[in-house]
Amino acid sequence: MPAASDACLRCGASLSFMERLGLENAIEVPGKGALCPSCYRELSADEYARYFKS
């Protein structure tokens, strides 16, 4: 199981695994962690506000 800092904040997927395979890079969420590219693309307006606006 990946460490919490290695997991997508939304789906829990291993971010380092995706990067090792040469897939897209994670999107950093300031002060919270990171999202996988798939989850970032699928964020609703409310989710975007929750992750990126303090």
C-alpha atoms as a PDB file:
ATOM      1  CA  MET A   1       0.000   0.000   0.000  1.00  0.00           C
ATOM      2  CA  PRO A   2       1.453   3.414  -0.934  1.00  0.00           C
ATOM      3  CA  ALA A   3       2.352   5.959   1.712  1.00  0.00           C
ATOM      4  CA  ALA A   4      -0.242   8.697   2.222  1.00  0.00           C
ATOM      5  CA  SER A   5       2.055  11.298   0.637  1.00  0.00           C
ATOM      6  CA  ASP A   6       2.348   9.058  -2.429  1.00  0.00           C
ATOM      7  CA  ALA A   7      -1.399   8.680  -2.895  1.00  0.00           C
ATOM      8  CA  CYS A   8      -3.748  10.786  -4.971  1.00  0.00           C
ATOM      9  CA  LEU A   9      -5.895  12.863  -2.628  1.00  0.00           C
ATOM     10  CA  ARG A  10      -9.053  11.936  -4.541  1.00  0.00           C
ATOM     11  CA  CYS A  11      -8.733   8.292  -5.620  1.00  0.00           C
ATOM     12  CA  GLY A  12      -5.764   7.009  -3.595  1.00  0.00           C
ATOM     13  CA  ALA A  13      -3.756   5.801  -6.618  1.00  0.00           C
ATOM     14  CA  SER A  14       0.018   5.578  -6.257  1.00  0.00           C
ATOM     15  CA  LEU A  15       1.498   8.718  -7.798  1.00  0.00           C
ATOM     16  CA  SER A  16       5.088   7.457  -7.822  1.00  0.00           C
ATOM     17  CA  PHE A  17       3.979   4.330  -9.695  1.00  0.00           C
ATOM     18  CA  MET A  18       2.474   6.447 -12.496  1.00  0.00           C
ATOM     19  CA  GLU A  19       5.592   8.601 -12.700  1.00  0.00           C
ATOM     20  CA  ARG A  20       7.920   5.564 -12.767  1.00  0.00           C
ATOM     21  CA  LEU A  21       6.002   4.193 -15.727  1.00  0.00           C
ATOM     22  CA  GLY A  22       6.537   7.472 -17.558  1.00  0.00           C
ATOM     23  CA  LEU A  23       2.893   8.418 -17.389  1.00  0.00           C
ATOM     24  CA  GLU A  24       1.751  11.924 -16.592  1.00  0.00           C
ATOM     25  CA  ASN A  25       3.067  13.790 -13.558  1.00  0.00           C
ATOM     26  CA  ALA A  26       0.969  14.461 -10.481  1.00  0.00           C
ATOM     27  CA  ILE A  27      -0.605  17.886  -9.928  1.00  0.00           C
ATOM     28  CA  GLU A  28       0.497  19.377  -6.621  1.00  0.00           C
ATOM     29  CA  VAL A  29      -2.176  20.735  -4.277  1.00  0.00           C
ATOM     30  CA  PRO A  30      -0.413  23.357  -2.124  1.00  0.00           C
ATOM     31  CA  GLY A  31      -0.123  22.236   1.477  1.00  0.00           C
ATOM     32  CA  LYS A  32      -2.271  19.137   0.968  1.00  0.00           C
ATOM     33  CA  GLY A  33      -0.576  16.643  -1.346  1.00  0.00           C
ATOM     34  CA  ALA A  34      -1.214  15.832  -5.007  1.00  0.00           C
ATOM     35  CA  LEU A  35      -3.828  14.625  -7.458  1.00  0.00           C
ATOM     36  CA  CYS A  36      -3.324  12.161 -10.270  1.00  0.00           C
ATOM     37  CA  PRO A  37      -3.847  13.734 -13.718  1.00  0.00           C
ATOM     38  CA  SER A  38      -7.063  11.785 -14.294  1.00  0.00           C
ATOM     39  CA  CYS A  39      -8.674  13.035 -11.102  1.00  0.00           C
ATOM     40  CA  TYR A  40      -7.489  16.581 -11.771  1.00  0.00           C
ATOM     41  CA  ARG A  41      -9.212  16.548 -15.173  1.00  0.00           C
ATOM     42  CA  GLU A  42     -12.424  15.223 -13.621  1.00  0.00           C
ATOM     43  CA  LEU A  43     -12.710  17.731 -10.744  1.00  0.00           C
ATOM     44  CA  SER A  44     -16.040  19.493 -10.419  1.00  0.00           C
ATOM     45  CA  ALA A  45     -16.019  23.225  -9.684  1.00  0.00           C
ATOM     46  CA  ASP A  46     -16.755  22.500  -6.023  1.00  0.00           C
ATOM     47  CA  GLU A  47     -13.936  19.962  -5.767  1.00  0.00           C
ATOM     48  CA  TYR A  48     -11.512  22.339  -7.470  1.00  0.00           C
ATOM     49  CA  ALA A  49     -12.391  25.053  -4.952  1.00  0.00           C
ATOM     50  CA  ARG A  50     -11.924  22.614  -2.057  1.00  0.00           C
ATOM     51  CA  TYR A  51      -8.457  21.534  -3.213  1.00  0.00           C
ATOM     52  CA  PHE A  52      -7.022  24.769  -4.590  1.00  0.00           C
ATOM     53  CA  LYS A  53      -8.688  27.632  -2.738  1.00  0.00           C
ATOM     54  CA  SER A  54      -8.040  28.160   0.942  1.00  0.00           C
END
